[in-house]
C-alpha atoms as a PDB file:
ATOM      1  CA  MET A   1      -0.993  61.318  48.720  1.00  0.00           C
ATOM      2  CA  ALA A   2      -4.695  60.927  49.294  1.00  0.00           C
ATOM      3  CA  ARG A   3      -7.416  61.424  46.691  1.00  0.00           C
ATOM      4  CA  LEU A   4     -10.863  62.699  47.326  1.00  0.00           C
ATOM      5  CA  LEU A   5     -13.775  60.636  45.548  1.00  0.00           C
ATOM      6  CA  LEU A   6     -16.868  62.734  45.785  1.00  0.00           C
ATOM      7  CA  ASP A   7     -19.457  60.133  44.648  1.00  0.00           C
ATOM      8  CA  ASP A   8     -20.042  56.801  43.146  1.00  0.00           C
ATOM      9  CA  ALA A   9     -18.996  58.086  39.636  1.00  0.00           C
ATOM     10  CA  ALA A  10     -15.662  59.023  40.998  1.00  0.00           C
ATOM     11  CA  THR A  11     -15.357  55.529  42.729  1.00  0.00           C
ATOM     12  CA  THR A  12     -16.241  53.856  39.323  1.00  0.00           C
ATOM     13  CA  ALA A  13     -13.603  56.040  37.438  1.00  0.00           C
ATOM     14  CA  LEU A  14     -10.880  55.009  39.947  1.00  0.00           C
ATOM     15  CA  GLY A  15     -11.947  51.447  39.459  1.00  0.00           C
ATOM     16  CA  VAL A  16     -11.408  51.724  35.741  1.00  0.00           C
ATOM     17  CA  GLU A  17      -8.043  53.488  36.358  1.00  0.00           C
ATOM     18  CA  LEU A  18      -6.819  50.875  38.687  1.00  0.00           C
ATOM     19  CA  ALA A  19      -8.117  47.912  36.453  1.00  0.00           C
ATOM     20  CA  ALA A  20      -6.052  49.338  33.672  1.00  0.00           C
ATOM     21  CA  SER A  21      -2.883  49.372  35.778  1.00  0.00           C
ATOM     22  CA  LEU A  22      -3.250  45.723  37.073  1.00  0.00           C
ATOM     23  CA  GLN A  23      -1.293  42.897  35.834  1.00  0.00           C
ATOM     24  CA  PRO A  24      -1.749  39.035  36.153  1.00  0.00           C
ATOM     25  CA  GLY A  25      -0.448  38.038  39.596  1.00  0.00           C
ATOM     26  CA  ASP A  26      -1.323  41.361  41.295  1.00  0.00           C
ATOM     27  CA  LEU A  27      -2.760  41.008  44.760  1.00  0.00           C
ATOM     28  CA  VAL A  28      -4.773  44.235  45.662  1.00  0.00           C
ATOM     29  CA  ILE A  29      -5.831  44.745  49.309  1.00  0.00           C
ATOM     30  CA  LEU A  30      -8.638  47.121  50.135  1.00  0.00           C
ATOM     31  CA  ASN A  31      -8.508  48.532  53.552  1.00  0.00           C
ATOM     32  CA  GLY A  32     -11.097  50.505  55.309  1.00  0.00           C
ATOM     33  CA  ASP A  33     -13.818  50.511  57.965  1.00  0.00           C
ATOM     34  CA  LEU A  34     -17.270  49.242  57.241  1.00  0.00           C
ATOM     35  CA  GLY A  35     -19.030  51.380  54.660  1.00  0.00           C
ATOM     36  CA  ALA A  36     -15.840  52.926  53.397  1.00  0.00           C
ATOM     37  CA  GLY A  37     -16.503  51.718  49.932  1.00  0.00           C
ATOM     38  CA  LYS A  38     -14.239  48.661  49.572  1.00  0.00           C
ATOM     39  CA  THR A  39     -16.841  46.484  47.774  1.00  0.00           C
ATOM     40  CA  ALA A  40     -17.952  49.298  45.544  1.00  0.00           C
ATOM     41  CA  LEU A  41     -14.396  49.857  44.484  1.00  0.00           C
ATOM     42  CA  ALA A  42     -13.816  46.141  43.859  1.00  0.00           C
ATOM     43  CA  ARG A  43     -17.123  46.015  41.836  1.00  0.00           C
ATOM     44  CA  ALA A  44     -15.891  48.908  39.615  1.00  0.00           C
ATOM     45  CA  ILE A  45     -12.525  47.162  39.123  1.00  0.00           C
ATOM     46  CA  ILE A  46     -14.019  43.770  38.327  1.00  0.00           C
ATOM     47  CA  ARG A  47     -16.554  45.345  35.822  1.00  0.00           C
ATOM     48  CA  ALA A  48     -13.688  47.168  34.007  1.00  0.00           C
ATOM     49  CA  LEU A  49     -11.522  43.979  33.904  1.00  0.00           C
ATOM     50  CA  ALA A  50     -14.505  42.010  32.616  1.00  0.00           C
ATOM     51  CA  ASP A  51     -15.357  44.937  30.106  1.00  0.00           C
ATOM     52  CA  ASP A  52     -19.031  44.686  31.340  1.00  0.00           C
ATOM     53  CA  PRO A  53     -20.195  47.698  33.303  1.00  0.00           C
ATOM     54  CA  GLN A  54     -23.543  45.800  34.192  1.00  0.00           C
ATOM     55  CA  LEU A  55     -21.839  42.742  35.365  1.00  0.00           C
ATOM     56  CA  GLU A  56     -23.534  41.537  38.609  1.00  0.00           C
ATOM     57  CA  VAL A  57     -20.742  41.536  41.243  1.00  0.00           C
ATOM     58  CA  PRO A  58     -22.094  40.422  44.608  1.00  0.00           C
ATOM     59  CA  SER A  59     -20.290  40.988  47.756  1.00  0.00           C
ATOM     60  CA  PRO A  60     -18.303  37.925  48.571  1.00  0.00           C
ATOM     61  CA  THR A  61     -18.948  38.248  52.458  1.00  0.00           C
ATOM     62  CA  PHE A  62     -20.669  34.903  52.750  1.00  0.00           C
ATOM     63  CA  ALA A  63     -18.950  32.851  50.020  1.00  0.00           C
ATOM     64  CA  LEU A  64     -15.576  34.439  51.100  1.00  0.00           C
ATOM     65  CA  VAL A  65     -14.357  34.234  47.454  1.00  0.00           C
ATOM     66  CA  GLN A  66     -16.017  35.027  44.169  1.00  0.00           C
ATOM     67  CA  PRO A  67     -14.252  34.058  40.934  1.00  0.00           C
ATOM     68  CA  TYR A  68     -14.589  35.718  37.613  1.00  0.00           C
ATOM     69  CA  GLU A  69     -13.177  34.880  34.190  1.00  0.00           C
ATOM     70  CA  THR A  70     -12.381  38.097  32.389  1.00  0.00           C
ATOM     71  CA  PRO A  71     -10.588  39.169  29.141  1.00  0.00           C
ATOM     72  CA  ALA A  72      -7.765  40.179  31.598  1.00  0.00           C
ATOM     73  CA  GLY A  73      -7.633  36.614  32.889  1.00  0.00           C
ATOM     74  CA  PRO A  74      -8.961  35.104  36.081  1.00  0.00           C
ATOM     75  CA  VAL A  75      -9.919  37.458  38.916  1.00  0.00           C
ATOM     76  CA  LEU A  76     -10.621  36.585  42.481  1.00  0.00           C
ATOM     77  CA  HIS A  77     -12.631  38.912  44.920  1.00  0.00           C
ATOM     78  CA  ALA A  78     -12.327  37.863  48.394  1.00  0.00           C
ATOM     79  CA  ASP A  79     -13.745  39.224  51.675  1.00  0.00           C
ATOM     80  CA  LEU A  80     -12.013  37.807  54.747  1.00  0.00           C
ATOM     81  CA  TYR A  81     -14.236  39.626  57.363  1.00  0.00           C
ATOM     82  CA  ARG A  82     -15.820  36.243  58.245  1.00  0.00           C
ATOM     83  CA  LEU A  83     -12.571  34.307  58.351  1.00  0.00           C
ATOM     84  CA  GLY A  84     -12.464  32.330  61.594  1.00  0.00           C
ATOM     85  CA  ASP A  85      -8.906  31.649  61.738  1.00  0.00           C
ATOM     86  CA  PRO A  86      -5.880  33.193  59.543  1.00  0.00           C
ATOM     87  CA  ARG A  87      -4.889  29.524  58.704  1.00  0.00           C
ATOM     88  CA  GLU A  88      -8.219  29.124  56.845  1.00  0.00           C
ATOM     89  CA  VAL A  89      -7.022  31.464  54.068  1.00  0.00           C
ATOM     90  CA  ASP A  90      -4.865  28.626  52.469  1.00  0.00           C
ATOM     91  CA  GLU A  91      -8.184  26.788  51.798  1.00  0.00           C
ATOM     92  CA  LEU A  92      -9.447  29.629  49.760  1.00  0.00           C
ATOM     93  CA  GLY A  93      -6.702  29.313  47.152  1.00  0.00           C
ATOM     94  CA  LEU A  94      -6.044  33.060  46.793  1.00  0.00           C
ATOM     95  CA  LEU A  95      -2.353  32.560  46.115  1.00  0.00           C
ATOM     96  CA  ASP A  96      -2.704  29.392  43.955  1.00  0.00           C
ATOM     97  CA  ASN A  97      -2.968  30.891  40.397  1.00  0.00           C
ATOM     98  CA  PRO A  98      -0.036  33.115  39.658  1.00  0.00           C
ATOM     99  CA  GLN A  99      -1.982  34.535  36.684  1.00  0.00           C
ATOM    100  CA  ALA A 100      -4.901  35.655  38.706  1.00  0.00           C
ATOM    101  CA  ILE A 101      -5.648  39.201  39.667  1.00  0.00           C
ATOM    102  CA  VAL A 102      -6.735  39.010  43.435  1.00  0.00           C
ATOM    103  CA  LEU A 103      -8.891  41.655  45.253  1.00  0.00           C
ATOM    104  CA  VAL A 104      -9.041  41.130  48.976  1.00  0.00           C
ATOM    105  CA  GLU A 105     -11.106  43.007  51.520  1.00  0.00           C
ATOM    106  CA  TRP A 106     -10.396  42.645  55.289  1.00  0.00           C
ATOM    107  CA  ALA A 107      -6.952  41.192  54.407  1.00  0.00           C
ATOM    108  CA  GLU A 108      -5.599  42.239  57.840  1.00  0.00           C
ATOM    109  CA  ARG A 109      -7.206  39.007  59.160  1.00  0.00           C
ATOM    110  CA  ALA A 110      -4.664  36.960  57.148  1.00  0.00           C
ATOM    111  CA  PRO A 111      -1.084  38.331  57.500  1.00  0.00           C
ATOM    112  CA  GLU A 112       0.197  36.259  54.627  1.00  0.00           C
ATOM    113  CA  ILE A 113      -2.095  37.935  52.279  1.00  0.00           C
ATOM    114  CA  VAL A 114      -0.934  41.380  53.538  1.00  0.00           C
ATOM    115  CA  ALA A 115       2.627  40.320  52.973  1.00  0.00           C
ATOM    116  CA  ALA A 116       1.957  39.173  49.485  1.00  0.00           C
ATOM    117  CA  ALA A 117       0.068  42.286  48.452  1.00  0.00           C
ATOM    118  CA  THR A 118       1.349  44.119  45.409  1.00  0.00           C
ATOM    119  CA  VAL A 119      -1.161  47.108  45.646  1.00  0.00           C
ATOM    120  CA  THR A 120      -2.676  48.503  48.814  1.00  0.00           C
ATOM    121  CA  VAL A 121      -5.686  50.801  48.588  1.00  0.00           C
ATOM    122  CA  ALA A 122      -6.806  52.511  51.741  1.00  0.00           C
ATOM    123  CA  LEU A 123     -10.382  54.049  51.872  1.00  0.00           C
ATOM    124  CA  ASP A 124     -11.208  56.315  54.597  1.00  0.00           C
ATOM    125  CA  ILE A 125     -14.360  58.226  55.463  1.00  0.00           C
ATOM    126  CA  PRO A 126     -13.443  61.935  55.913  1.00  0.00           C
ATOM    127  CA  PRO A 127     -14.815  64.139  58.636  1.00  0.00           C
ATOM    128  CA  GLY A 128     -18.444  64.908  57.901  1.00  0.00           C
ATOM    129  CA  GLY A 129     -18.846  61.643  56.017  1.00  0.00           C
ATOM    130  CA  ALA A 130     -19.044  63.119  52.421  1.00  0.00           C
ATOM    131  CA  GLY A 131     -17.027  61.153  49.958  1.00  0.00           C
ATOM    132  CA  ARG A 132     -14.057  58.912  50.416  1.00  0.00           C
ATOM    133  CA  LEU A 133     -10.327  59.589  50.796  1.00  0.00           C
ATOM    134  CA  VAL A 134      -8.228  57.081  48.875  1.00  0.00           C
ATOM    135  CA  THR A 135      -4.598  56.407  49.141  1.00  0.00           C
ATOM    136  CA  ILE A 136      -2.936  53.873  46.841  1.00  0.00           C
ATOM    137  CA  SER A 137       0.472  52.322  47.304  1.00  0.00           C
ATOM    138  CA  ARG A 138       2.262  49.742  45.121  1.00  0.00           C
ATOM    139  CA  ARG A 139       5.262  47.517  45.980  1.00  0.00           C
END
């Protein structure tokens, strides 16, 4: 069932809620078009896991992976948009630490990441463009 996020505060609240439900080893894929709010939601999740609402959480678009040490354990935030070849994902080490919580944007560029996902978050821009529709599924 889709849930409507009306604004940034609602996105942050969902990030806090998701962070509280994540366990070491969870791999979360964030699906959605450009501008759907994937990075904003990932930022809210990471800040909640780090227990630091002011933590600087840059988009990993150019670095591909941004690591964080948090009280919840290691967190990796990846953006595969610029991935040249799906085989390059192995070099990123996203599946190397079974204790890490991994958040991946544009995961569809690496089928092995999609196959390993434990949580899928789909973000859609509703007609008219106000807010975001979010659907969460767990394996």
